[in-house]
Amino acid sequence: ITAQSTQESSPVSFKVITDERTNSLIIIAYPSDMVKIKAVIEILDVRTDEPQEGIFVIRVLNADAEQIVSVLSALFGGRGGGGG
């Protein structure tokens, strides 16, 4: 990602490369711009108090997916939803 600020008072130009393996950002920028970039990252990179619901796809290789849903529903009180 290459970005440039639209604010005329303090333009910031930088390039960001993500490393998914380490969940890191590699940033190419002028040292003076890194202060602003780091500040924004610190605002965005915070732990949330409440767990966020997500969608996870798990491919079942050796069992019947519907049987696994039944077992999970029994174990966790039926909180899961069915597909269709």
PDB file of N, CA and C in Angstrom:
ATOM      1  N   ILE A   1       0.859  -1.173   0.000  1.00  0.00           N
ATOM      2  CA  ILE A   1       0.000   0.000   0.000  1.00  0.00           C
ATOM      3  C   ILE A   1       0.897   1.225   0.000  1.00  0.00           C
ATOM      4  N   THR A   2       0.622   2.128  -0.879  1.00  0.00           N
ATOM      5  CA  THR A   2       1.310   3.407  -0.883  1.00  0.00           C
ATOM      6  C   THR A   2       0.273   4.464  -0.577  1.00  0.00           C
ATOM      7  N   ALA A   3       0.586   5.364   0.333  1.00  0.00           N
ATOM      8  CA  ALA A   3      -0.392   6.373   0.727  1.00  0.00           C
ATOM      9  C   ALA A   3       0.244   7.738   0.792  1.00  0.00           C
ATOM     10  N   GLN A   4      -0.590   8.725   0.606  1.00  0.00           N
ATOM     11  CA  GLN A   4      -0.148  10.104   0.772  1.00  0.00           C
ATOM     12  C   GLN A   4      -1.308  10.869   1.374  1.00  0.00           C
ATOM     13  N   SER A   5      -1.036  11.643   2.400  1.00  0.00           N
ATOM     14  CA  SER A   5      -2.065  12.395   3.091  1.00  0.00           C
ATOM     15  C   SER A   5      -2.638  13.467   2.182  1.00  0.00           C
ATOM     16  N   THR A   6      -3.926  13.754   2.375  1.00  0.00           N
ATOM     17  CA  THR A   6      -4.545  14.829   1.612  1.00  0.00           C
ATOM     18  C   THR A   6      -4.532  16.136   2.386  1.00  0.00           C
ATOM     19  N   GLN A   7      -4.072  16.105   3.622  1.00  0.00           N
ATOM     20  CA  GLN A   7      -3.990  17.329   4.412  1.00  0.00           C
ATOM     21  C   GLN A   7      -2.812  18.154   3.926  1.00  0.00           C
ATOM     22  N   GLU A   8      -3.082  19.406   3.589  1.00  0.00           N
ATOM     23  CA  GLU A   8      -2.017  20.258   3.082  1.00  0.00           C
ATOM     24  C   GLU A   8      -1.051  20.686   4.178  1.00  0.00           C
ATOM     25  N   SER A   9      -1.503  20.696   5.427  1.00  0.00           N
ATOM     26  CA  SER A   9      -0.645  21.173   6.509  1.00  0.00           C
ATOM     27  C   SER A   9       0.485  20.207   6.834  1.00  0.00           C
ATOM     28  N   SER A  10       0.244  18.917   6.702  1.00  0.00           N
ATOM     29  CA  SER A  10       1.293  17.958   7.044  1.00  0.00           C
ATOM     30  C   SER A  10       1.195  16.714   6.171  1.00  0.00           C
ATOM     31  N   PRO A  11       1.646  16.806   4.930  1.00  0.00           N
ATOM     32  CA  PRO A  11       1.577  15.628   4.061  1.00  0.00           C
ATOM     33  C   PRO A  11       2.503  14.518   4.551  1.00  0.00           C
ATOM     34  N   VAL A  12       2.019  13.301   4.480  1.00  0.00           N
ATOM     35  CA  VAL A  12       2.797  12.133   4.874  1.00  0.00           C
ATOM     36  C   VAL A  12       2.773  11.163   3.697  1.00  0.00           C
ATOM     37  N   SER A  13       3.949  10.766   3.253  1.00  0.00           N
ATOM     38  CA  SER A  13       4.041   9.813   2.158  1.00  0.00           C
ATOM     39  C   SER A  13       4.797   8.592   2.666  1.00  0.00           C
ATOM     40  N   PHE A  14       4.225   7.401   2.450  1.00  0.00           N
ATOM     41  CA  PHE A  14       4.861   6.194   2.953  1.00  0.00           C
ATOM     42  C   PHE A  14       4.399   4.988   2.158  1.00  0.00           C
ATOM     43  N   LYS A  15       5.084   3.876   2.353  1.00  0.00           N
ATOM     44  CA  LYS A  15       4.713   2.606   1.740  1.00  0.00           C
ATOM     45  C   LYS A  15       4.659   1.562   2.842  1.00  0.00           C
ATOM     46  N   VAL A  16       3.634   0.717   2.808  1.00  0.00           N
ATOM     47  CA  VAL A  16       3.458  -0.317   3.824  1.00  0.00           C
ATOM     48  C   VAL A  16       3.380  -1.679   3.146  1.00  0.00           C
ATOM     49  N   ILE A  17       4.124  -2.615   3.695  1.00  0.00           N
ATOM     50  CA  ILE A  17       4.088  -4.003   3.255  1.00  0.00           C
ATOM     51  C   ILE A  17       3.685  -4.831   4.468  1.00  0.00           C
ATOM     52  N   THR A  18       2.730  -5.723   4.289  1.00  0.00           N
ATOM     53  CA  THR A  18       2.332  -6.570   5.413  1.00  0.00           C
ATOM     54  C   THR A  18       3.043  -7.910   5.336  1.00  0.00           C
ATOM     55  N   ASP A  19       3.415  -8.411   6.500  1.00  0.00           N
ATOM     56  CA  ASP A  19       3.994  -9.747   6.614  1.00  0.00           C
ATOM     57  C   ASP A  19       3.000 -10.584   7.410  1.00  0.00           C
ATOM     58  N   GLU A  20       2.185 -11.366   6.711  1.00  0.00           N
ATOM     59  CA  GLU A  20       1.139 -12.141   7.368  1.00  0.00           C
ATOM     60  C   GLU A  20       1.703 -13.190   8.315  1.00  0.00           C
ATOM     61  N   ARG A  21       2.854 -13.726   8.013  1.00  0.00           N
ATOM     62  CA  ARG A  21       3.451 -14.775   8.849  1.00  0.00           C
ATOM     63  C   ARG A  21       3.719 -14.272  10.260  1.00  0.00           C
ATOM     64  N   THR A  22       4.212 -13.044  10.372  1.00  0.00           N
ATOM     65  CA  THR A  22       4.529 -12.476  11.683  1.00  0.00           C
ATOM     66  C   THR A  22       3.507 -11.440  12.142  1.00  0.00           C
ATOM     67  N   ASN A  23       2.465 -11.208  11.331  1.00  0.00           N
ATOM     68  CA  ASN A  23       1.456 -10.195  11.623  1.00  0.00           C
ATOM     69  C   ASN A  23       2.115  -8.840  11.882  1.00  0.00           C
ATOM     70  N   SER A  24       2.989  -8.459  10.956  1.00  0.00           N
ATOM     71  CA  SER A  24       3.772  -7.236  11.105  1.00  0.00           C
ATOM     72  C   SER A  24       3.560  -6.304   9.927  1.00  0.00           C
ATOM     73  N   LEU A  25       3.877  -5.052  10.150  1.00  0.00           N
ATOM     74  CA  LEU A  25       3.881  -4.052   9.092  1.00  0.00           C
ATOM     75  C   LEU A  25       5.317  -3.632   8.835  1.00  0.00           C
ATOM     76  N   ILE A  26       5.704  -3.603   7.583  1.00  0.00           N
ATOM     77  CA  ILE A  26       7.018  -3.092   7.194  1.00  0.00           C
ATOM     78  C   ILE A  26       6.738  -1.755   6.526  1.00  0.00           C
ATOM     79  N   ILE A  27       7.229  -0.689   7.120  1.00  0.00           N
ATOM     80  CA  ILE A  27       6.888   0.656   6.665  1.00  0.00           C
ATOM     81  C   ILE A  27       8.125   1.349   6.130  1.00  0.00           C
ATOM     82  N   ILE A  28       7.976   1.916   4.948  1.00  0.00           N
ATOM     83  CA  ILE A  28       9.042   2.716   4.342  1.00  0.00           C
ATOM     84  C   ILE A  28       8.555   4.159   4.365  1.00  0.00           C
ATOM     85  N   ALA A  29       9.244   4.992   5.137  1.00  0.00           N
ATOM     86  CA  ALA A  29       8.822   6.386   5.286  1.00  0.00           C
ATOM     87  C   ALA A  29       9.995   7.215   5.778  1.00  0.00           C
ATOM     88  N   TYR A  30       9.838   8.509   5.674  1.00  0.00           N
ATOM     89  CA  TYR A  30      10.838   9.406   6.249  1.00  0.00           C
ATOM     90  C   TYR A  30      10.747   9.328   7.771  1.00  0.00           C
ATOM     91  N   PRO A  31      11.867   9.445   8.471  1.00  0.00           N
ATOM     92  CA  PRO A  31      11.844   9.373   9.936  1.00  0.00           C
ATOM     93  C   PRO A  31      10.868  10.367  10.568  1.00  0.00           C
ATOM     94  N   SER A  32      10.764  11.547   9.996  1.00  0.00           N
ATOM     95  CA  SER A  32       9.843  12.543  10.560  1.00  0.00           C
ATOM     96  C   SER A  32       8.381  12.109  10.419  1.00  0.00           C
ATOM     97  N   ASP A  33       8.075  11.327   9.395  1.00  0.00           N
ATOM     98  CA  ASP A  33       6.704  10.843   9.206  1.00  0.00           C
ATOM     99  C   ASP A  33       6.392   9.645  10.092  1.00  0.00           C
ATOM    100  N   MET A  34       7.408   8.904  10.499  1.00  0.00           N
ATOM    101  CA  MET A  34       7.188   7.708  11.305  1.00  0.00           C
ATOM    102  C   MET A  34       6.531   8.027  12.640  1.00  0.00           C
ATOM    103  N   VAL A  35       6.779   9.201  13.183  1.00  0.00           N
ATOM    104  CA  VAL A  35       6.150   9.582  14.449  1.00  0.00           C
ATOM    105  C   VAL A  35       4.630   9.588  14.284  1.00  0.00           C
ATOM    106  N   LYS A  36       4.153  10.194  13.204  1.00  0.00           N
ATOM    107  CA  LYS A  36       2.712  10.257  12.950  1.00  0.00           C
ATOM    108  C   LYS A  36       2.156   8.870  12.644  1.00  0.00           C
ATOM    109  N   ILE A  37       2.882   8.107  11.847  1.00  0.00           N
ATOM    110  CA  ILE A  37       2.421   6.775  11.465  1.00  0.00           C
ATOM    111  C   ILE A  37       2.335   5.872  12.687  1.00  0.00           C
ATOM    112  N   LYS A  38       3.362   5.894  13.537  1.00  0.00           N
ATOM    113  CA  LYS A  38       3.346   5.080  14.756  1.00  0.00           C
ATOM    114  C   LYS A  38       2.187   5.475  15.667  1.00  0.00           C
ATOM    115  N   ALA A  39       1.894   6.768  15.751  1.00  0.00           N
ATOM    116  CA  ALA A  39       0.797   7.235  16.601  1.00  0.00           C
ATOM    117  C   ALA A  39      -0.541   6.672  16.126  1.00  0.00           C
ATOM    118  N   VAL A  40      -0.750   6.658  14.830  1.00  0.00           N
ATOM    119  CA  VAL A  40      -1.995   6.112  14.291  1.00  0.00           C
ATOM    120  C   VAL A  40      -2.068   4.607  14.528  1.00  0.00           C
ATOM    121  N   ILE A  41      -0.965   3.915  14.336  1.00  0.00           N
ATOM    122  CA  ILE A  41      -0.948   2.463  14.563  1.00  0.00           C
ATOM    123  C   ILE A  41      -1.261   2.153  16.022  1.00  0.00           C
ATOM    124  N   GLU A  42      -0.717   2.925  16.948  1.00  0.00           N
ATOM    125  CA  GLU A  42      -0.983   2.696  18.369  1.00  0.00           C
ATOM    126  C   GLU A  42      -2.456   2.902  18.702  1.00  0.00           C
ATOM    127  N   ILE A  43      -3.113   3.835  18.014  1.00  0.00           N
ATOM    128  CA  ILE A  43      -4.546   4.055  18.230  1.00  0.00           C
ATOM    129  C   ILE A  43      -5.350   2.866  17.702  1.00  0.00           C
ATOM    130  N   LEU A  44      -4.947   2.347  16.554  1.00  0.00           N
ATOM    131  CA  LEU A  44      -5.699   1.263  15.920  1.00  0.00           C
ATOM    132  C   LEU A  44      -5.406  -0.109  16.513  1.00  0.00           C
ATOM    133  N   ASP A  45      -4.193  -0.324  16.987  1.00  0.00           N
ATOM    134  CA  ASP A  45      -3.770  -1.642  17.455  1.00  0.00           C
ATOM    135  C   ASP A  45      -3.992  -1.769  18.954  1.00  0.00           C
ATOM    136  N   VAL A  46      -5.254  -1.932  19.339  1.00  0.00           N
ATOM    137  CA  VAL A  46      -5.589  -2.064  20.756  1.00  0.00           C
ATOM    138  C   VAL A  46      -6.387  -3.340  20.973  1.00  0.00           C
ATOM    139  N   ARG A  47      -6.234  -3.889  22.142  1.00  0.00           N
ATOM    140  CA  ARG A  47      -6.985  -5.084  22.522  1.00  0.00           C
ATOM    141  C   ARG A  47      -8.401  -4.645  22.885  1.00  0.00           C
ATOM    142  N   THR A  48      -9.388  -5.389  22.408  1.00  0.00           N
ATOM    143  CA  THR A  48     -10.768  -5.086  22.762  1.00  0.00           C
ATOM    144  C   THR A  48     -11.153  -5.875  24.001  1.00  0.00           C
ATOM    145  N   ASP A  49     -12.033  -5.295  24.814  1.00  0.00           N
ATOM    146  CA  ASP A  49     -12.473  -5.955  26.039  1.00  0.00           C
ATOM    147  C   ASP A  49     -13.412  -7.119  25.755  1.00  0.00           C
ATOM    148  N   GLU A  50     -14.236  -6.963  24.738  1.00  0.00           N
ATOM    149  CA  GLU A  50     -15.204  -7.993  24.421  1.00  0.00           C
ATOM    150  C   GLU A  50     -14.718  -8.813  23.238  1.00  0.00           C
ATOM    151  N   PRO A  51     -14.855 -10.116  23.333  1.00  0.00           N
ATOM    152  CA  PRO A  51     -14.478 -10.928  22.176  1.00  0.00           C
ATOM    153  C   PRO A  51     -15.397 -10.613  21.007  1.00  0.00           C
ATOM    154  N   GLN A  52     -14.823 -10.553  19.844  1.00  0.00           N
ATOM    155  CA  GLN A  52     -15.608 -10.248  18.665  1.00  0.00           C
ATOM    156  C   GLN A  52     -15.938 -11.538  17.940  1.00  0.00           C
ATOM    157  N   GLU A  53     -17.179 -11.629  17.514  1.00  0.00           N
ATOM    158  CA  GLU A  53     -17.619 -12.811  16.779  1.00  0.00           C
ATOM    159  C   GLU A  53     -17.006 -12.786  15.396  1.00  0.00           C
ATOM    160  N   GLY A  54     -16.557 -13.913  14.955  1.00  0.00           N
ATOM    161  CA  GLY A  54     -15.972 -14.001  13.629  1.00  0.00           C
ATOM    162  C   GLY A  54     -16.529 -15.196  12.875  1.00  0.00           C
ATOM    163  N   ILE A  55     -16.224 -15.240  11.627  1.00  0.00           N
ATOM    164  CA  ILE A  55     -16.623 -16.362  10.791  1.00  0.00           C
ATOM    165  C   ILE A  55     -15.376 -17.181  10.505  1.00  0.00           C
ATOM    166  N   PHE A  56     -15.423 -18.447  10.861  1.00  0.00           N
ATOM    167  CA  PHE A  56     -14.297 -19.336  10.652  1.00  0.00           C
ATOM    168  C   PHE A  56     -14.774 -20.522   9.825  1.00  0.00           C
ATOM    169  N   VAL A  57     -14.052 -20.864   8.814  1.00  0.00           N
ATOM    170  CA  VAL A  57     -14.392 -22.011   7.980  1.00  0.00           C
ATOM    171  C   VAL A  57     -13.373 -23.106   8.264  1.00  0.00           C
ATOM    172  N   ILE A  58     -13.864 -24.239   8.722  1.00  0.00           N
ATOM    173  CA  ILE A  58     -12.998 -25.374   9.012  1.00  0.00           C
ATOM    174  C   ILE A  58     -13.445 -26.525   8.122  1.00  0.00           C
ATOM    175  N   ARG A  59     -12.576 -26.960   7.274  1.00  0.00           N
ATOM    176  CA  ARG A  59     -12.888 -28.068   6.370  1.00  0.00           C
ATOM    177  C   ARG A  59     -12.761 -29.378   7.144  1.00  0.00           C
ATOM    178  N   VAL A  60     -13.831 -30.127   7.164  1.00  0.00           N
ATOM    179  CA  VAL A  60     -13.845 -31.414   7.853  1.00  0.00           C
ATOM    180  C   VAL A  60     -13.366 -32.468   6.867  1.00  0.00           C
ATOM    181  N   LEU A  61     -12.289 -33.154   7.229  1.00  0.00           N
ATOM    182  CA  LEU A  61     -11.670 -34.095   6.303  1.00  0.00           C
ATOM    183  C   LEU A  61     -12.081 -35.544   6.515  1.00  0.00           C
ATOM    184  N   ASN A  62     -12.335 -35.936   7.760  1.00  0.00           N
ATOM    185  CA  ASN A  62     -12.503 -37.356   8.047  1.00  0.00           C
ATOM    186  C   ASN A  62     -13.827 -37.736   8.694  1.00  0.00           C
ATOM    187  N   ALA A  63     -14.673 -36.792   8.993  1.00  0.00           N
ATOM    188  CA  ALA A  63     -15.940 -37.095   9.656  1.00  0.00           C
ATOM    189  C   ALA A  63     -17.066 -36.394   8.908  1.00  0.00           C
ATOM    190  N   ASP A  64     -18.295 -36.697   9.313  1.00  0.00           N
ATOM    191  CA  ASP A  64     -19.459 -36.048   8.730  1.00  0.00           C
ATOM    192  C   ASP A  64     -19.680 -34.712   9.438  1.00  0.00           C
ATOM    193  N   ALA A  65     -19.744 -33.638   8.682  1.00  0.00           N
ATOM    194  CA  ALA A  65     -19.861 -32.301   9.260  1.00  0.00           C
ATOM    195  C   ALA A  65     -21.120 -32.156  10.114  1.00  0.00           C
ATOM    196  N   GLU A  66     -22.226 -32.757   9.698  1.00  0.00           N
ATOM    197  CA  GLU A  66     -23.463 -32.644  10.470  1.00  0.00           C
ATOM    198  C   GLU A  66     -23.358 -33.351  11.816  1.00  0.00           C
ATOM    199  N   GLN A  67     -22.627 -34.446  11.884  1.00  0.00           N
ATOM    200  CA  GLN A  67     -22.417 -35.129  13.162  1.00  0.00           C
ATOM    201  C   GLN A  67     -21.579 -34.261  14.095  1.00  0.00           C
ATOM    202  N   ILE A  68     -20.599 -33.582  13.536  1.00  0.00           N
ATOM    203  CA  ILE A  68     -19.769 -32.695  14.356  1.00  0.00           C
ATOM    204  C   ILE A  68     -20.606 -31.548  14.902  1.00  0.00           C
ATOM    205  N   VAL A  69     -21.523 -31.016  14.091  1.00  0.00           N
ATOM    206  CA  VAL A  69     -22.417 -29.956  14.564  1.00  0.00           C
ATOM    207  C   VAL A  69     -23.246 -30.455  15.738  1.00  0.00           C
ATOM    208  N   SER A  70     -23.731 -31.677  15.662  1.00  0.00           N
ATOM    209  CA  SER A  70     -24.517 -32.247  16.763  1.00  0.00           C
ATOM    210  C   SER A  70     -23.700 -32.346  18.040  1.00  0.00           C
ATOM    211  N   VAL A  71     -22.462 -32.808  17.914  1.00  0.00           N
ATOM    212  CA  VAL A  71     -21.591 -32.931  19.086  1.00  0.00           C
ATOM    213  C   VAL A  71     -21.286 -31.554  19.672  1.00  0.00           C
ATOM    214  N   LEU A  72     -20.956 -30.594  18.815  1.00  0.00           N
ATOM    215  CA  LEU A  72     -20.657 -29.243  19.301  1.00  0.00           C
ATOM    216  C   LEU A  72     -21.871 -28.621  19.981  1.00  0.00           C
ATOM    217  N   SER A  73     -23.048 -28.829  19.415  1.00  0.00           N
ATOM    218  CA  SER A  73     -24.271 -28.292  20.023  1.00  0.00           C
ATOM    219  C   SER A  73     -24.512 -28.900  21.394  1.00  0.00           C
ATOM    220  N   ALA A  74     -24.251 -30.195  21.524  1.00  0.00           N
ATOM    221  CA  ALA A  74     -24.427 -30.854  22.815  1.00  0.00           C
ATOM    222  C   ALA A  74     -23.414 -30.346  23.836  1.00  0.00           C
ATOM    223  N   LEU A  75     -22.183 -30.153  23.398  1.00  0.00           N
ATOM    224  CA  LEU A  75     -21.134 -29.703  24.314  1.00  0.00           C
ATOM    225  C   LEU A  75     -21.301 -28.255  24.749  1.00  0.00           C
ATOM    226  N   PHE A  76     -21.719 -27.402  23.826  1.00  0.00           N
ATOM    227  CA  PHE A  76     -21.748 -25.968  24.103  1.00  0.00           C
ATOM    228  C   PHE A  76     -23.163 -25.409  24.192  1.00  0.00           C
ATOM    229  N   GLY A  77     -24.132 -26.246  24.423  1.00  0.00           N
ATOM    230  CA  GLY A  77     -25.481 -25.767  24.674  1.00  0.00           C
ATOM    231  C   GLY A  77     -26.217 -25.252  23.456  1.00  0.00           C
ATOM    232  N   GLY A  78     -25.870 -25.713  22.286  1.00  0.00           N
ATOM    233  CA  GLY A  78     -26.614 -25.341  21.096  1.00  0.00           C
ATOM    234  C   GLY A  78     -26.462 -23.903  20.660  1.00  0.00           C
ATOM    235  N   ARG A  79     -25.346 -23.262  21.018  1.00  0.00           N
ATOM    236  CA  ARG A  79     -25.153 -21.861  20.649  1.00  0.00           C
ATOM    237  C   ARG A  79     -24.792 -21.679  19.188  1.00  0.00           C
ATOM    238  N   GLY A  80     -24.447 -22.755  18.516  1.00  0.00           N
ATOM    239  CA  GLY A  80     -24.046 -22.644  17.118  1.00  0.00           C
ATOM    240  C   GLY A  80     -25.239 -22.549  16.205  1.00  0.00           C
ATOM    241  N   GLY A  81     -24.998 -22.102  15.009  1.00  0.00           N
ATOM    242  CA  GLY A  81     -26.054 -22.026  14.016  1.00  0.00           C
ATOM    243  C   GLY A  81     -25.801 -23.049  12.939  1.00  0.00           C
ATOM    244  N   GLY A  82     -26.837 -23.440  12.280  1.00  0.00           N
ATOM    245  CA  GLY A  82     -26.691 -24.418  11.220  1.00  0.00           C
ATOM    246  C   GLY A  82     -26.545 -23.758   9.873  1.00  0.00           C
ATOM    247  N   GLY A  83     -25.881 -24.440   8.994  1.00  0.00           N
ATOM    248  CA  GLY A  83     -25.791 -23.984   7.617  1.00  0.00           C
ATOM    249  C   GLY A  83     -26.944 -24.584   6.857  1.00  0.00           C
ATOM    250  N   GLY A  84     -26.770 -24.679   5.592  1.00  0.00           N
ATOM    251  CA  GLY A  84     -27.890 -25.298   4.994  1.00  0.00           C
ATOM    252  C   GLY A  84     -27.649 -25.713   3.633  1.00  0.00           C
TER     253      GLY A  84
END
